[in-house]
Amino acid sequence: MGKSIAVIIARLIFAAIFLMAAAFKFAGMQTTADYIAAAGFPFPLFLAWVAALFEVALVACFLSGAFFREASLLAAAYVIFLGFAFHGPSHWQGNQAEFGFFVDHFSFMAGLLFAAVYGPGEKLALPYGRLWR
């Protein structure tokens, strides 16, 4: 029972983090686009929308347990990409706190990789494809 509770809490934490990220994007889509543009990416408003919608999809996977392993792997890749793109070595000289933000992405990625390996647990998890039947 303790293992199931821990897994459900972890799923809720993952979902909450991505839900907050999506909510901030939806609340200030142009601000997010400006941040993306400042990092040198093309089509910043389009990418901001893609990121927000992707984060909503991750929330659905983490809450339902459907496609959980795939979502965890995609989220891990996304998190490490964000770490390098927005907090990587080129940002450290101007602000040492950026190094801390960068390292935080690795610990989050480690949790997501662990989740990908062990899955959504046995409780409150839809089997693969059940959402689409």
N, C-alpha and C. Protein backbone atom coordinates (compact mmCIF):
# COMPACT_ATOMS: atom_id res chain seq x y z
N MET A 1 0.82 -1.20 0.00
CA MET A 1 0.00 0.00 0.00
C MET A 1 0.86 1.26 0.00
N GLY A 2 1.96 1.24 0.77
CA GLY A 2 2.85 2.40 0.82
C GLY A 2 3.47 2.71 -0.53
N LYS A 3 3.82 1.66 -1.26
CA LYS A 3 4.40 1.86 -2.59
C LYS A 3 3.39 2.53 -3.52
N SER A 4 2.15 2.08 -3.48
CA SER A 4 1.11 2.66 -4.33
C SER A 4 0.87 4.13 -3.99
N ILE A 5 0.87 4.44 -2.71
CA ILE A 5 0.66 5.83 -2.29
C ILE A 5 1.82 6.71 -2.78
N ALA A 6 3.05 6.21 -2.63
CA ALA A 6 4.22 6.98 -3.07
C ALA A 6 4.18 7.22 -4.58
N VAL A 7 3.79 6.21 -5.34
CA VAL A 7 3.73 6.36 -6.80
C VAL A 7 2.65 7.37 -7.19
N ILE A 8 1.51 7.30 -6.54
CA ILE A 8 0.43 8.24 -6.85
C ILE A 8 0.84 9.67 -6.50
N ILE A 9 1.51 9.85 -5.37
CA ILE A 9 1.99 11.18 -4.99
C ILE A 9 2.99 11.69 -6.02
N ALA A 10 3.89 10.82 -6.46
CA ALA A 10 4.87 11.23 -7.48
C ALA A 10 4.17 11.63 -8.77
N ARG A 11 3.17 10.86 -9.19
CA ARG A 11 2.41 11.20 -10.40
C ARG A 11 1.72 12.55 -10.24
N LEU A 12 1.17 12.81 -9.06
CA LEU A 12 0.52 14.10 -8.81
C LEU A 12 1.52 15.25 -8.85
N ILE A 13 2.72 15.01 -8.33
CA ILE A 13 3.75 16.06 -8.37
C ILE A 13 4.16 16.35 -9.81
N PHE A 14 4.41 15.29 -10.59
CA PHE A 14 4.76 15.50 -12.00
C PHE A 14 3.65 16.28 -12.71
N ALA A 15 2.41 15.87 -12.49
CA ALA A 15 1.28 16.54 -13.13
C ALA A 15 1.20 18.00 -12.70
N ALA A 16 1.37 18.26 -11.41
CA ALA A 16 1.27 19.62 -10.90
C ALA A 16 2.34 20.53 -11.50
N ILE A 17 3.56 20.02 -11.62
CA ILE A 17 4.64 20.83 -12.18
C ILE A 17 4.33 21.22 -13.62
N PHE A 18 3.91 20.23 -14.42
CA PHE A 18 3.62 20.54 -15.82
C PHE A 18 2.33 21.35 -15.97
N LEU A 19 1.37 21.16 -15.07
CA LEU A 19 0.16 21.98 -15.10
C LEU A 19 0.48 23.44 -14.80
N MET A 20 1.33 23.67 -13.81
CA MET A 20 1.74 25.05 -13.51
C MET A 20 2.48 25.67 -14.69
N ALA A 21 3.37 24.90 -15.30
CA ALA A 21 4.12 25.42 -16.45
C ALA A 21 3.17 25.79 -17.58
N ALA A 22 2.20 24.92 -17.86
CA ALA A 22 1.23 25.21 -18.92
C ALA A 22 0.37 26.42 -18.56
N ALA A 23 -0.06 26.50 -17.31
CA ALA A 23 -0.90 27.62 -16.88
C ALA A 23 -0.17 28.95 -17.04
N PHE A 24 1.11 28.98 -16.68
CA PHE A 24 1.88 30.22 -16.86
C PHE A 24 2.00 30.57 -18.34
N LYS A 25 2.15 29.56 -19.19
CA LYS A 25 2.23 29.83 -20.62
C LYS A 25 0.91 30.39 -21.14
N PHE A 26 -0.20 29.75 -20.77
CA PHE A 26 -1.51 30.22 -21.23
C PHE A 26 -1.83 31.61 -20.69
N ALA A 27 -1.39 31.90 -19.47
CA ALA A 27 -1.66 33.21 -18.87
C ALA A 27 -0.84 34.32 -19.51
N GLY A 28 0.30 33.98 -20.07
CA GLY A 28 1.17 34.98 -20.69
C GLY A 28 1.86 34.41 -21.91
N MET A 29 1.08 34.03 -22.90
CA MET A 29 1.64 33.36 -24.08
C MET A 29 2.67 34.24 -24.78
N GLN A 30 2.41 35.53 -24.88
CA GLN A 30 3.37 36.41 -25.56
C GLN A 30 4.65 36.56 -24.75
N THR A 31 4.54 36.59 -23.44
CA THR A 31 5.73 36.65 -22.59
C THR A 31 6.57 35.39 -22.78
N THR A 32 5.91 34.24 -22.86
CA THR A 32 6.62 32.98 -23.12
C THR A 32 7.28 33.03 -24.48
N ALA A 33 6.56 33.53 -25.47
CA ALA A 33 7.12 33.65 -26.82
C ALA A 33 8.33 34.58 -26.84
N ASP A 34 8.27 35.66 -26.10
CA ASP A 34 9.41 36.58 -26.02
C ASP A 34 10.62 35.89 -25.41
N TYR A 35 10.39 35.07 -24.40
CA TYR A 35 11.47 34.33 -23.74
C TYR A 35 12.10 33.33 -24.71
N ILE A 36 11.25 32.67 -25.48
CA ILE A 36 11.73 31.71 -26.48
C ILE A 36 12.51 32.44 -27.57
N ALA A 37 12.02 33.59 -28.00
CA ALA A 37 12.72 34.37 -29.02
C ALA A 37 14.07 34.85 -28.51
N ALA A 38 14.13 35.24 -27.25
CA ALA A 38 15.39 35.71 -26.66
C ALA A 38 16.44 34.61 -26.64
N ALA A 39 15.99 33.36 -26.60
CA ALA A 39 16.93 32.23 -26.64
C ALA A 39 17.37 31.91 -28.07
N GLY A 40 16.78 32.61 -29.05
CA GLY A 40 17.21 32.45 -30.43
C GLY A 40 16.41 31.46 -31.26
N PHE A 41 15.27 31.02 -30.77
CA PHE A 41 14.47 30.06 -31.53
C PHE A 41 13.53 30.77 -32.50
N PRO A 42 13.32 30.20 -33.69
CA PRO A 42 12.38 30.80 -34.65
C PRO A 42 10.94 30.47 -34.25
N PHE A 43 10.01 31.19 -34.79
CA PHE A 43 8.58 30.96 -34.57
C PHE A 43 8.22 30.85 -33.09
N PRO A 44 8.60 31.84 -32.30
CA PRO A 44 8.44 31.72 -30.85
C PRO A 44 7.00 31.57 -30.37
N LEU A 45 6.05 32.26 -30.99
CA LEU A 45 4.66 32.13 -30.53
C LEU A 45 4.13 30.73 -30.83
N PHE A 46 4.45 30.22 -31.99
CA PHE A 46 4.06 28.85 -32.34
C PHE A 46 4.66 27.85 -31.34
N LEU A 47 5.95 28.00 -31.06
CA LEU A 47 6.62 27.09 -30.12
C LEU A 47 6.05 27.21 -28.71
N ALA A 48 5.64 28.41 -28.32
CA ALA A 48 5.04 28.59 -27.00
C ALA A 48 3.72 27.81 -26.90
N TRP A 49 2.92 27.88 -27.95
CA TRP A 49 1.67 27.13 -27.97
C TRP A 49 1.92 25.62 -27.97
N VAL A 50 2.89 25.19 -28.77
CA VAL A 50 3.23 23.76 -28.81
C VAL A 50 3.67 23.29 -27.43
N ALA A 51 4.51 24.07 -26.77
CA ALA A 51 4.99 23.70 -25.43
C ALA A 51 3.83 23.60 -24.45
N ALA A 52 2.93 24.57 -24.47
CA ALA A 52 1.80 24.57 -23.53
C ALA A 52 0.89 23.36 -23.78
N LEU A 53 0.60 23.07 -25.02
CA LEU A 53 -0.27 21.93 -25.33
C LEU A 53 0.42 20.61 -25.00
N PHE A 54 1.72 20.53 -25.24
CA PHE A 54 2.49 19.34 -24.87
C PHE A 54 2.44 19.12 -23.36
N GLU A 55 2.59 20.19 -22.61
CA GLU A 55 2.54 20.08 -21.15
C GLU A 55 1.17 19.63 -20.67
N VAL A 56 0.11 20.09 -21.31
CA VAL A 56 -1.24 19.63 -20.96
C VAL A 56 -1.38 18.14 -21.24
N ALA A 57 -0.83 17.67 -22.36
CA ALA A 57 -0.87 16.24 -22.68
C ALA A 57 -0.10 15.43 -21.63
N LEU A 58 1.04 15.96 -21.19
CA LEU A 58 1.79 15.27 -20.14
C LEU A 58 0.97 15.17 -18.86
N VAL A 59 0.28 16.24 -18.51
CA VAL A 59 -0.56 16.23 -17.31
C VAL A 59 -1.61 15.12 -17.42
N ALA A 60 -2.24 15.00 -18.58
CA ALA A 60 -3.26 13.96 -18.77
C ALA A 60 -2.65 12.57 -18.59
N CYS A 61 -1.47 12.37 -19.13
CA CYS A 61 -0.81 11.06 -19.00
C CYS A 61 -0.42 10.77 -17.56
N PHE A 62 0.12 11.75 -16.87
CA PHE A 62 0.54 11.53 -15.49
C PHE A 62 -0.65 11.30 -14.57
N LEU A 63 -1.75 12.00 -14.79
CA LEU A 63 -2.92 11.82 -13.94
C LEU A 63 -3.64 10.50 -14.21
N SER A 64 -3.73 10.13 -15.48
CA SER A 64 -4.49 8.93 -15.84
C SER A 64 -3.65 7.66 -15.78
N GLY A 65 -2.35 7.80 -15.97
CA GLY A 65 -1.48 6.63 -16.05
C GLY A 65 -1.40 6.06 -17.46
N ALA A 66 -2.24 6.54 -18.38
CA ALA A 66 -2.21 6.06 -19.76
C ALA A 66 -0.97 6.59 -20.46
N PHE A 67 -0.31 5.74 -21.19
CA PHE A 67 0.91 6.10 -21.92
C PHE A 67 1.95 6.73 -21.00
N PHE A 68 1.95 6.28 -19.77
CA PHE A 68 2.78 6.87 -18.72
C PHE A 68 4.27 6.75 -19.01
N ARG A 69 4.73 5.58 -19.41
CA ARG A 69 6.16 5.39 -19.66
C ARG A 69 6.63 6.26 -20.82
N GLU A 70 5.85 6.30 -21.88
CA GLU A 70 6.20 7.14 -23.03
C GLU A 70 6.21 8.62 -22.65
N ALA A 71 5.19 9.03 -21.89
CA ALA A 71 5.12 10.42 -21.45
C ALA A 71 6.30 10.77 -20.56
N SER A 72 6.69 9.84 -19.70
CA SER A 72 7.83 10.10 -18.81
C SER A 72 9.12 10.27 -19.61
N LEU A 73 9.31 9.44 -20.62
CA LEU A 73 10.51 9.57 -21.46
C LEU A 73 10.50 10.87 -22.25
N LEU A 74 9.37 11.20 -22.83
CA LEU A 74 9.27 12.47 -23.58
C LEU A 74 9.47 13.66 -22.65
N ALA A 75 8.90 13.59 -21.46
CA ALA A 75 9.06 14.67 -20.49
C ALA A 75 10.52 14.81 -20.08
N ALA A 76 11.22 13.69 -19.89
CA ALA A 76 12.64 13.74 -19.52
C ALA A 76 13.46 14.42 -20.62
N ALA A 77 13.19 14.07 -21.86
CA ALA A 77 13.90 14.69 -22.98
C ALA A 77 13.58 16.19 -23.05
N TYR A 78 12.33 16.53 -22.84
CA TYR A 78 11.88 17.93 -22.86
C TYR A 78 12.56 18.74 -21.75
N VAL A 79 12.61 18.17 -20.56
CA VAL A 79 13.20 18.86 -19.41
C VAL A 79 14.69 19.11 -19.63
N ILE A 80 15.40 18.12 -20.14
CA ILE A 80 16.84 18.33 -20.35
C ILE A 80 17.08 19.32 -21.49
N PHE A 81 16.23 19.28 -22.52
CA PHE A 81 16.32 20.28 -23.58
C PHE A 81 16.13 21.68 -22.99
N LEU A 82 15.11 21.84 -22.15
CA LEU A 82 14.86 23.15 -21.54
C LEU A 82 16.04 23.60 -20.69
N GLY A 83 16.64 22.67 -19.98
CA GLY A 83 17.80 23.00 -19.15
C GLY A 83 18.93 23.58 -19.98
N PHE A 84 19.26 22.91 -21.07
CA PHE A 84 20.35 23.39 -21.92
C PHE A 84 19.96 24.66 -22.67
N ALA A 85 18.75 24.71 -23.20
CA ALA A 85 18.34 25.84 -24.03
C ALA A 85 18.19 27.15 -23.25
N PHE A 86 17.68 27.05 -22.02
CA PHE A 86 17.36 28.27 -21.29
C PHE A 86 18.19 28.51 -20.04
N HIS A 87 18.98 27.52 -19.62
CA HIS A 87 19.79 27.68 -18.41
C HIS A 87 21.19 27.09 -18.57
N GLY A 88 21.59 26.80 -19.79
CA GLY A 88 22.87 26.13 -20.05
C GLY A 88 24.08 27.02 -19.82
N PRO A 89 25.24 26.48 -20.14
CA PRO A 89 26.51 27.16 -19.86
C PRO A 89 26.60 28.59 -20.36
N SER A 90 25.95 28.90 -21.47
CA SER A 90 26.04 30.28 -21.99
C SER A 90 25.36 31.29 -21.06
N HIS A 91 24.54 30.83 -20.14
CA HIS A 91 23.83 31.73 -19.22
C HIS A 91 24.54 31.89 -17.87
N TRP A 92 25.52 31.08 -17.60
CA TRP A 92 26.13 31.06 -16.27
C TRP A 92 26.96 32.30 -15.96
N GLN A 93 27.62 32.84 -16.96
CA GLN A 93 28.49 33.98 -16.72
C GLN A 93 27.71 35.20 -16.24
N GLY A 94 26.56 35.42 -16.82
CA GLY A 94 25.77 36.57 -16.45
C GLY A 94 25.02 36.42 -15.14
N ASN A 95 24.77 35.18 -14.73
CA ASN A 95 23.98 34.96 -13.52
C ASN A 95 24.30 33.56 -12.98
N GLN A 96 24.99 33.50 -11.88
CA GLN A 96 25.40 32.21 -11.31
C GLN A 96 24.21 31.36 -10.88
N ALA A 97 23.07 31.98 -10.59
CA ALA A 97 21.88 31.21 -10.21
C ALA A 97 21.42 30.32 -11.35
N GLU A 98 21.75 30.71 -12.58
CA GLU A 98 21.38 29.89 -13.74
C GLU A 98 21.99 28.50 -13.66
N PHE A 99 23.18 28.37 -13.08
CA PHE A 99 23.79 27.06 -12.92
C PHE A 99 22.92 26.17 -12.04
N GLY A 100 22.38 26.74 -10.98
CA GLY A 100 21.48 25.99 -10.11
C GLY A 100 20.22 25.55 -10.83
N PHE A 101 19.66 26.45 -11.64
CA PHE A 101 18.47 26.10 -12.43
C PHE A 101 18.81 24.97 -13.39
N PHE A 102 19.98 25.04 -13.99
CA PHE A 102 20.44 24.02 -14.93
C PHE A 102 20.53 22.66 -14.23
N VAL A 103 21.17 22.61 -13.08
CA VAL A 103 21.34 21.36 -12.34
C VAL A 103 19.99 20.80 -11.89
N ASP A 104 19.07 21.66 -11.51
CA ASP A 104 17.73 21.21 -11.10
C ASP A 104 17.04 20.40 -12.19
N HIS A 105 17.27 20.77 -13.44
CA HIS A 105 16.66 20.03 -14.55
C HIS A 105 17.14 18.58 -14.58
N PHE A 106 18.38 18.34 -14.17
CA PHE A 106 18.90 16.97 -14.17
C PHE A 106 18.24 16.12 -13.10
N SER A 107 17.99 16.69 -11.93
CA SER A 107 17.33 15.90 -10.89
C SER A 107 15.88 15.61 -11.27
N PHE A 108 15.23 16.55 -11.91
CA PHE A 108 13.86 16.33 -12.39
C PHE A 108 13.87 15.25 -13.47
N MET A 109 14.84 15.32 -14.38
CA MET A 109 14.96 14.32 -15.43
C MET A 109 15.19 12.94 -14.82
N ALA A 110 16.01 12.85 -13.79
CA ALA A 110 16.28 11.57 -13.14
C ALA A 110 14.98 10.95 -12.60
N GLY A 111 14.15 11.76 -11.98
CA GLY A 111 12.87 11.27 -11.49
C GLY A 111 11.97 10.78 -12.61
N LEU A 112 11.96 11.51 -13.72
CA LEU A 112 11.15 11.11 -14.86
C LEU A 112 11.66 9.81 -15.48
N LEU A 113 12.98 9.64 -15.54
CA LEU A 113 13.53 8.39 -16.06
C LEU A 113 13.19 7.23 -15.14
N PHE A 114 13.26 7.45 -13.85
CA PHE A 114 12.88 6.42 -12.89
C PHE A 114 11.41 6.04 -13.10
N ALA A 115 10.56 7.04 -13.28
CA ALA A 115 9.14 6.79 -13.53
C ALA A 115 8.93 6.01 -14.82
N ALA A 116 9.70 6.34 -15.84
CA ALA A 116 9.57 5.62 -17.12
C ALA A 116 9.91 4.15 -16.95
N VAL A 117 10.89 3.84 -16.14
CA VAL A 117 11.30 2.45 -15.94
C VAL A 117 10.27 1.68 -15.12
N TYR A 118 9.75 2.28 -14.06
CA TYR A 118 8.87 1.57 -13.14
C TYR A 118 7.39 1.74 -13.40
N GLY A 119 7.01 2.66 -14.27
CA GLY A 119 5.62 2.80 -14.67
C GLY A 119 4.74 3.52 -13.68
N PRO A 120 3.42 3.55 -13.97
CA PRO A 120 2.47 4.35 -13.19
C PRO A 120 1.96 3.69 -11.92
N GLY A 121 2.44 2.50 -11.64
CA GLY A 121 1.94 1.79 -10.47
C GLY A 121 0.69 0.99 -10.81
N GLU A 122 0.18 0.30 -9.82
CA GLU A 122 -0.96 -0.60 -10.03
C GLU A 122 -2.30 0.06 -9.75
N LYS A 123 -2.30 1.16 -9.04
CA LYS A 123 -3.54 1.83 -8.65
C LYS A 123 -3.78 3.07 -9.49
N LEU A 124 -5.03 3.30 -9.80
CA LEU A 124 -5.46 4.50 -10.52
C LEU A 124 -4.67 4.73 -11.81
N ALA A 125 -4.45 3.66 -12.55
CA ALA A 125 -3.70 3.78 -13.81
C ALA A 125 -4.47 3.07 -14.92
N LEU A 126 -4.78 3.81 -15.96
CA LEU A 126 -5.44 3.21 -17.11
C LEU A 126 -4.42 2.40 -17.91
N PRO A 127 -4.83 1.28 -18.45
CA PRO A 127 -3.91 0.52 -19.31
C PRO A 127 -3.68 1.25 -20.63
N TYR A 128 -2.62 0.93 -21.33
CA TYR A 128 -2.32 1.55 -22.62
C TYR A 128 -3.53 1.46 -23.54
N GLY A 129 -3.80 2.56 -24.21
CA GLY A 129 -4.82 2.57 -25.25
C GLY A 129 -6.25 2.61 -24.74
N ARG A 130 -6.46 2.46 -23.46
CA ARG A 130 -7.82 2.42 -22.94
C ARG A 130 -8.57 3.73 -23.20
N LEU A 131 -7.86 4.83 -23.22
CA LEU A 131 -8.50 6.11 -23.49
C LEU A 131 -9.10 6.17 -24.89
N TRP A 132 -8.57 5.38 -25.80
CA TRP A 132 -8.95 5.50 -27.19
C TRP A 132 -9.93 4.42 -27.64
N ARG A 133 -10.37 3.55 -26.77
CA ARG A 133 -11.33 2.49 -27.13
C ARG A 133 -12.75 2.90 -26.88
